């Protein structure tokens, strides 16, 4: 179960969902907007940190192919050591 929550494609899903939800939540509860933003930022940071730890210990890069079709008919994401280092929130 933890592997599914730390899948690199979740970075994009969390960022898009948070960007969609922040204006809606801001109208209802302004204080929860900040909490939601930082929860998303921490989740993205944990996924990237998990990638740094795994890839620095010798794991091979992960290639995530969406829609079950090979590129160029779908979007693919390669996630290796270089990508996981630069996904770290500053």
N, C-alpha and C. Protein backbone atom coordinates (compact mmCIF):
# COMPACT_ATOMS: atom_id res chain seq x y z
N UNK A 1 0.81 -1.20 0.00
CA UNK A 1 0.00 0.00 0.00
C UNK A 1 0.86 1.26 0.00
N UNK A 2 1.97 1.22 0.72
CA UNK A 2 2.84 2.39 0.77
C UNK A 2 3.44 2.67 -0.60
N UNK A 3 3.74 1.63 -1.36
CA UNK A 3 4.30 1.83 -2.69
C UNK A 3 3.34 2.58 -3.60
N UNK A 4 2.06 2.34 -3.48
CA UNK A 4 1.09 3.06 -4.30
C UNK A 4 1.02 4.54 -3.92
N UNK A 5 1.19 4.85 -2.64
CA UNK A 5 1.15 6.24 -2.20
C UNK A 5 2.43 7.00 -2.53
N UNK A 6 3.51 6.28 -2.82
CA UNK A 6 4.78 6.90 -3.16
C UNK A 6 5.14 6.73 -4.64
N UNK A 7 4.15 6.42 -5.45
CA UNK A 7 4.35 6.31 -6.89
C UNK A 7 4.62 7.70 -7.47
N UNK A 8 5.59 7.84 -8.37
CA UNK A 8 5.92 9.16 -8.91
C UNK A 8 4.77 9.86 -9.64
N UNK A 9 3.84 9.15 -10.21
CA UNK A 9 2.72 9.78 -10.92
C UNK A 9 1.80 10.50 -9.94
N UNK A 10 1.87 10.12 -8.66
CA UNK A 10 1.07 10.77 -7.63
C UNK A 10 1.47 12.23 -7.47
N UNK A 11 2.73 12.57 -7.78
CA UNK A 11 3.17 13.97 -7.71
C UNK A 11 2.29 14.85 -8.58
N UNK A 12 2.06 14.40 -9.79
CA UNK A 12 1.24 15.18 -10.73
C UNK A 12 -0.22 15.21 -10.27
N UNK A 13 -0.71 14.10 -9.78
CA UNK A 13 -2.10 14.02 -9.33
C UNK A 13 -2.32 14.94 -8.13
N UNK A 14 -1.40 14.90 -7.17
CA UNK A 14 -1.54 15.74 -5.97
C UNK A 14 -1.46 17.22 -6.34
N UNK A 15 -0.54 17.58 -7.22
CA UNK A 15 -0.40 18.98 -7.62
C UNK A 15 -1.65 19.48 -8.35
N UNK A 16 -2.19 18.68 -9.26
CA UNK A 16 -3.39 19.09 -9.98
C UNK A 16 -4.61 19.15 -9.06
N UNK A 17 -4.76 18.16 -8.20
CA UNK A 17 -5.91 18.14 -7.29
C UNK A 17 -5.84 19.30 -6.29
N UNK A 18 -4.65 19.59 -5.80
CA UNK A 18 -4.50 20.70 -4.86
C UNK A 18 -4.79 22.03 -5.55
N UNK A 19 -4.29 22.18 -6.76
CA UNK A 19 -4.57 23.41 -7.50
C UNK A 19 -6.05 23.60 -7.77
N UNK A 20 -6.77 22.51 -7.94
CA UNK A 20 -8.22 22.58 -8.15
C UNK A 20 -8.96 22.87 -6.84
N UNK A 21 -8.51 22.26 -5.75
CA UNK A 21 -9.23 22.37 -4.49
C UNK A 21 -8.95 23.64 -3.70
N UNK A 22 -7.78 24.24 -3.87
CA UNK A 22 -7.44 25.42 -3.07
C UNK A 22 -8.43 26.57 -3.21
N UNK A 23 -8.87 26.95 -4.42
CA UNK A 23 -9.86 28.04 -4.49
C UNK A 23 -11.20 27.67 -3.86
N UNK A 24 -11.59 26.42 -3.97
CA UNK A 24 -12.87 25.97 -3.41
C UNK A 24 -12.81 26.00 -1.88
N UNK A 25 -11.72 25.46 -1.33
CA UNK A 25 -11.56 25.41 0.12
C UNK A 25 -11.37 26.81 0.68
N UNK A 26 -10.72 27.70 -0.08
CA UNK A 26 -10.48 29.06 0.40
C UNK A 26 -11.77 29.83 0.63
N UNK A 27 -12.80 29.54 -0.17
CA UNK A 27 -14.09 30.21 0.03
C UNK A 27 -14.79 29.73 1.29
N UNK A 28 -14.58 28.48 1.66
CA UNK A 28 -15.25 27.91 2.82
C UNK A 28 -14.48 28.13 4.12
N UNK A 29 -13.16 27.87 4.07
CA UNK A 29 -12.36 27.91 5.29
C UNK A 29 -10.94 28.35 4.93
N UNK A 30 -10.63 29.61 5.21
CA UNK A 30 -9.33 30.16 4.81
C UNK A 30 -8.16 29.54 5.56
N UNK A 31 -8.35 29.15 6.79
CA UNK A 31 -7.24 28.58 7.56
C UNK A 31 -6.88 27.18 7.07
N UNK A 32 -7.87 26.43 6.59
CA UNK A 32 -7.58 25.08 6.10
C UNK A 32 -6.87 25.11 4.76
N UNK A 33 -6.94 26.22 4.04
CA UNK A 33 -6.27 26.35 2.75
C UNK A 33 -4.76 26.21 2.92
N UNK A 34 -4.23 26.84 3.94
CA UNK A 34 -2.79 26.75 4.21
C UNK A 34 -2.41 25.33 4.61
N UNK A 35 -3.23 24.71 5.42
CA UNK A 35 -2.97 23.33 5.84
C UNK A 35 -2.99 22.40 4.64
N UNK A 36 -3.96 22.56 3.76
CA UNK A 36 -4.05 21.72 2.56
C UNK A 36 -2.84 21.91 1.67
N UNK A 37 -2.40 23.15 1.50
CA UNK A 37 -1.23 23.43 0.68
C UNK A 37 0.01 22.74 1.23
N UNK A 38 0.24 22.87 2.54
CA UNK A 38 1.43 22.28 3.13
C UNK A 38 1.34 20.75 3.19
N UNK A 39 0.15 20.20 3.33
CA UNK A 39 0.00 18.74 3.27
C UNK A 39 0.40 18.22 1.89
N UNK A 40 -0.04 18.91 0.85
CA UNK A 40 0.33 18.52 -0.52
C UNK A 40 1.83 18.67 -0.74
N UNK A 41 2.41 19.75 -0.24
CA UNK A 41 3.84 19.98 -0.40
C UNK A 41 4.66 18.92 0.33
N UNK A 42 4.22 18.53 1.51
CA UNK A 42 4.92 17.48 2.26
C UNK A 42 4.79 16.14 1.55
N UNK A 43 3.62 15.82 1.01
CA UNK A 43 3.42 14.57 0.29
C UNK A 43 4.34 14.50 -0.93
N UNK A 44 4.41 15.58 -1.70
CA UNK A 44 5.28 15.61 -2.87
C UNK A 44 6.74 15.48 -2.43
N UNK A 45 7.10 16.14 -1.35
CA UNK A 45 8.46 16.03 -0.83
C UNK A 45 8.81 14.62 -0.37
N UNK A 46 7.87 13.93 0.26
CA UNK A 46 8.11 12.55 0.70
C UNK A 46 8.30 11.61 -0.48
N UNK A 47 7.53 11.81 -1.54
CA UNK A 47 7.69 10.98 -2.73
C UNK A 47 9.07 11.20 -3.34
N UNK A 48 9.49 12.46 -3.44
CA UNK A 48 10.80 12.76 -4.00
C UNK A 48 11.92 12.26 -3.09
N UNK A 49 11.76 12.40 -1.78
CA UNK A 49 12.77 11.91 -0.85
C UNK A 49 12.88 10.39 -0.90
N UNK A 50 11.77 9.72 -1.04
CA UNK A 50 11.78 8.27 -1.20
C UNK A 50 12.53 7.88 -2.47
N UNK A 51 12.35 8.64 -3.53
CA UNK A 51 13.08 8.37 -4.77
C UNK A 51 14.57 8.58 -4.60
N UNK A 52 14.97 9.64 -3.90
CA UNK A 52 16.40 9.89 -3.67
C UNK A 52 17.02 8.74 -2.90
N UNK A 53 16.34 8.28 -1.86
CA UNK A 53 16.87 7.18 -1.05
C UNK A 53 16.96 5.90 -1.88
N UNK A 54 15.92 5.58 -2.63
CA UNK A 54 15.93 4.34 -3.42
C UNK A 54 16.95 4.38 -4.54
N UNK A 55 17.00 5.49 -5.27
CA UNK A 55 17.87 5.56 -6.44
C UNK A 55 19.33 5.74 -6.06
N UNK A 56 19.62 6.35 -4.93
CA UNK A 56 21.01 6.49 -4.50
C UNK A 56 21.56 5.16 -4.00
N UNK A 57 20.69 4.24 -3.64
CA UNK A 57 21.15 2.91 -3.22
C UNK A 57 21.26 1.94 -4.39
N UNK A 58 21.03 2.42 -5.61
CA UNK A 58 21.28 1.58 -6.78
C UNK A 58 20.06 1.12 -7.53
N UNK A 59 18.89 1.57 -7.18
CA UNK A 59 17.69 1.15 -7.91
C UNK A 59 17.69 1.80 -9.30
N UNK A 60 17.06 1.14 -10.25
CA UNK A 60 17.00 1.66 -11.61
C UNK A 60 15.85 2.67 -11.72
N UNK A 61 15.94 3.54 -12.72
CA UNK A 61 14.92 4.56 -12.92
C UNK A 61 13.58 3.91 -13.26
N UNK A 62 12.51 4.55 -12.81
CA UNK A 62 11.16 4.06 -13.03
C UNK A 62 10.56 4.81 -14.21
N UNK A 63 9.94 4.09 -15.13
CA UNK A 63 9.24 4.73 -16.23
C UNK A 63 7.75 4.42 -16.09
N UNK A 64 6.97 5.45 -15.89
CA UNK A 64 5.53 5.32 -15.71
C UNK A 64 4.86 5.68 -17.03
N UNK A 65 4.12 4.74 -17.59
CA UNK A 65 3.40 4.97 -18.85
C UNK A 65 1.91 5.06 -18.52
N UNK A 66 1.29 6.17 -18.91
CA UNK A 66 -0.13 6.36 -18.63
C UNK A 66 -0.97 5.83 -19.78
N UNK A 67 -2.20 5.58 -19.54
CA UNK A 67 -3.21 5.15 -20.51
C UNK A 67 -2.95 3.77 -21.08
N UNK A 68 -1.96 3.05 -20.60
CA UNK A 68 -1.70 1.70 -21.05
C UNK A 68 -1.20 1.60 -22.48
N UNK A 69 -0.79 2.70 -23.06
CA UNK A 69 -0.31 2.74 -24.44
C UNK A 69 1.09 3.32 -24.42
N UNK A 70 1.95 2.83 -25.30
CA UNK A 70 3.31 3.36 -25.33
C UNK A 70 3.34 4.73 -26.00
N UNK A 71 4.33 5.55 -25.65
CA UNK A 71 4.45 6.87 -26.26
C UNK A 71 4.66 6.74 -27.77
N UNK A 72 4.25 7.64 -28.57
CA UNK A 72 3.83 9.01 -28.40
C UNK A 72 2.33 9.18 -28.23
N UNK A 73 1.59 8.10 -28.05
CA UNK A 73 0.14 8.20 -27.91
C UNK A 73 -0.31 8.36 -26.46
N UNK A 74 0.62 8.43 -25.55
CA UNK A 74 0.31 8.65 -24.14
C UNK A 74 1.42 9.48 -23.51
N UNK A 75 1.22 9.84 -22.28
CA UNK A 75 2.23 10.60 -21.55
C UNK A 75 3.04 9.62 -20.72
N UNK A 76 4.36 9.72 -20.81
CA UNK A 76 5.18 8.88 -19.96
C UNK A 76 6.04 9.74 -19.06
N UNK A 77 6.42 9.19 -17.92
CA UNK A 77 7.20 9.89 -16.93
C UNK A 77 8.36 9.00 -16.52
N UNK A 78 9.58 9.51 -16.69
CA UNK A 78 10.74 8.79 -16.20
C UNK A 78 11.17 9.44 -14.90
N UNK A 79 11.36 8.63 -13.88
CA UNK A 79 11.69 9.13 -12.54
C UNK A 79 12.92 8.39 -12.06
N UNK A 80 14.05 9.08 -12.05
CA UNK A 80 15.31 8.51 -11.59
C UNK A 80 15.90 9.39 -10.51
N UNK A 81 17.20 9.22 -10.26
CA UNK A 81 17.87 9.98 -9.21
C UNK A 81 17.88 11.47 -9.54
N UNK A 82 18.21 11.82 -10.76
CA UNK A 82 18.26 13.23 -11.15
C UNK A 82 16.90 13.90 -10.98
N UNK A 83 15.85 13.25 -11.41
CA UNK A 83 14.50 13.83 -11.30
C UNK A 83 14.04 13.92 -9.85
N UNK A 84 14.34 12.92 -9.05
CA UNK A 84 13.89 12.94 -7.66
C UNK A 84 14.63 14.00 -6.84
N UNK A 85 15.88 14.31 -7.19
CA UNK A 85 16.61 15.37 -6.48
C UNK A 85 15.98 16.72 -6.79
N UNK A 86 15.62 16.95 -8.05
CA UNK A 86 15.09 18.25 -8.41
C UNK A 86 13.60 18.41 -8.13
N UNK A 87 12.89 17.36 -7.73
CA UNK A 87 11.49 17.49 -7.30
C UNK A 87 11.39 17.92 -5.85
N UNK A 88 12.51 17.94 -5.13
CA UNK A 88 12.49 18.29 -3.71
C UNK A 88 12.01 19.74 -3.55
N UNK A 89 11.00 19.97 -2.74
CA UNK A 89 10.58 21.35 -2.48
C UNK A 89 11.64 22.07 -1.66
N UNK A 90 11.89 23.29 -1.99
CA UNK A 90 12.92 24.08 -1.29
C UNK A 90 12.33 24.89 -0.17
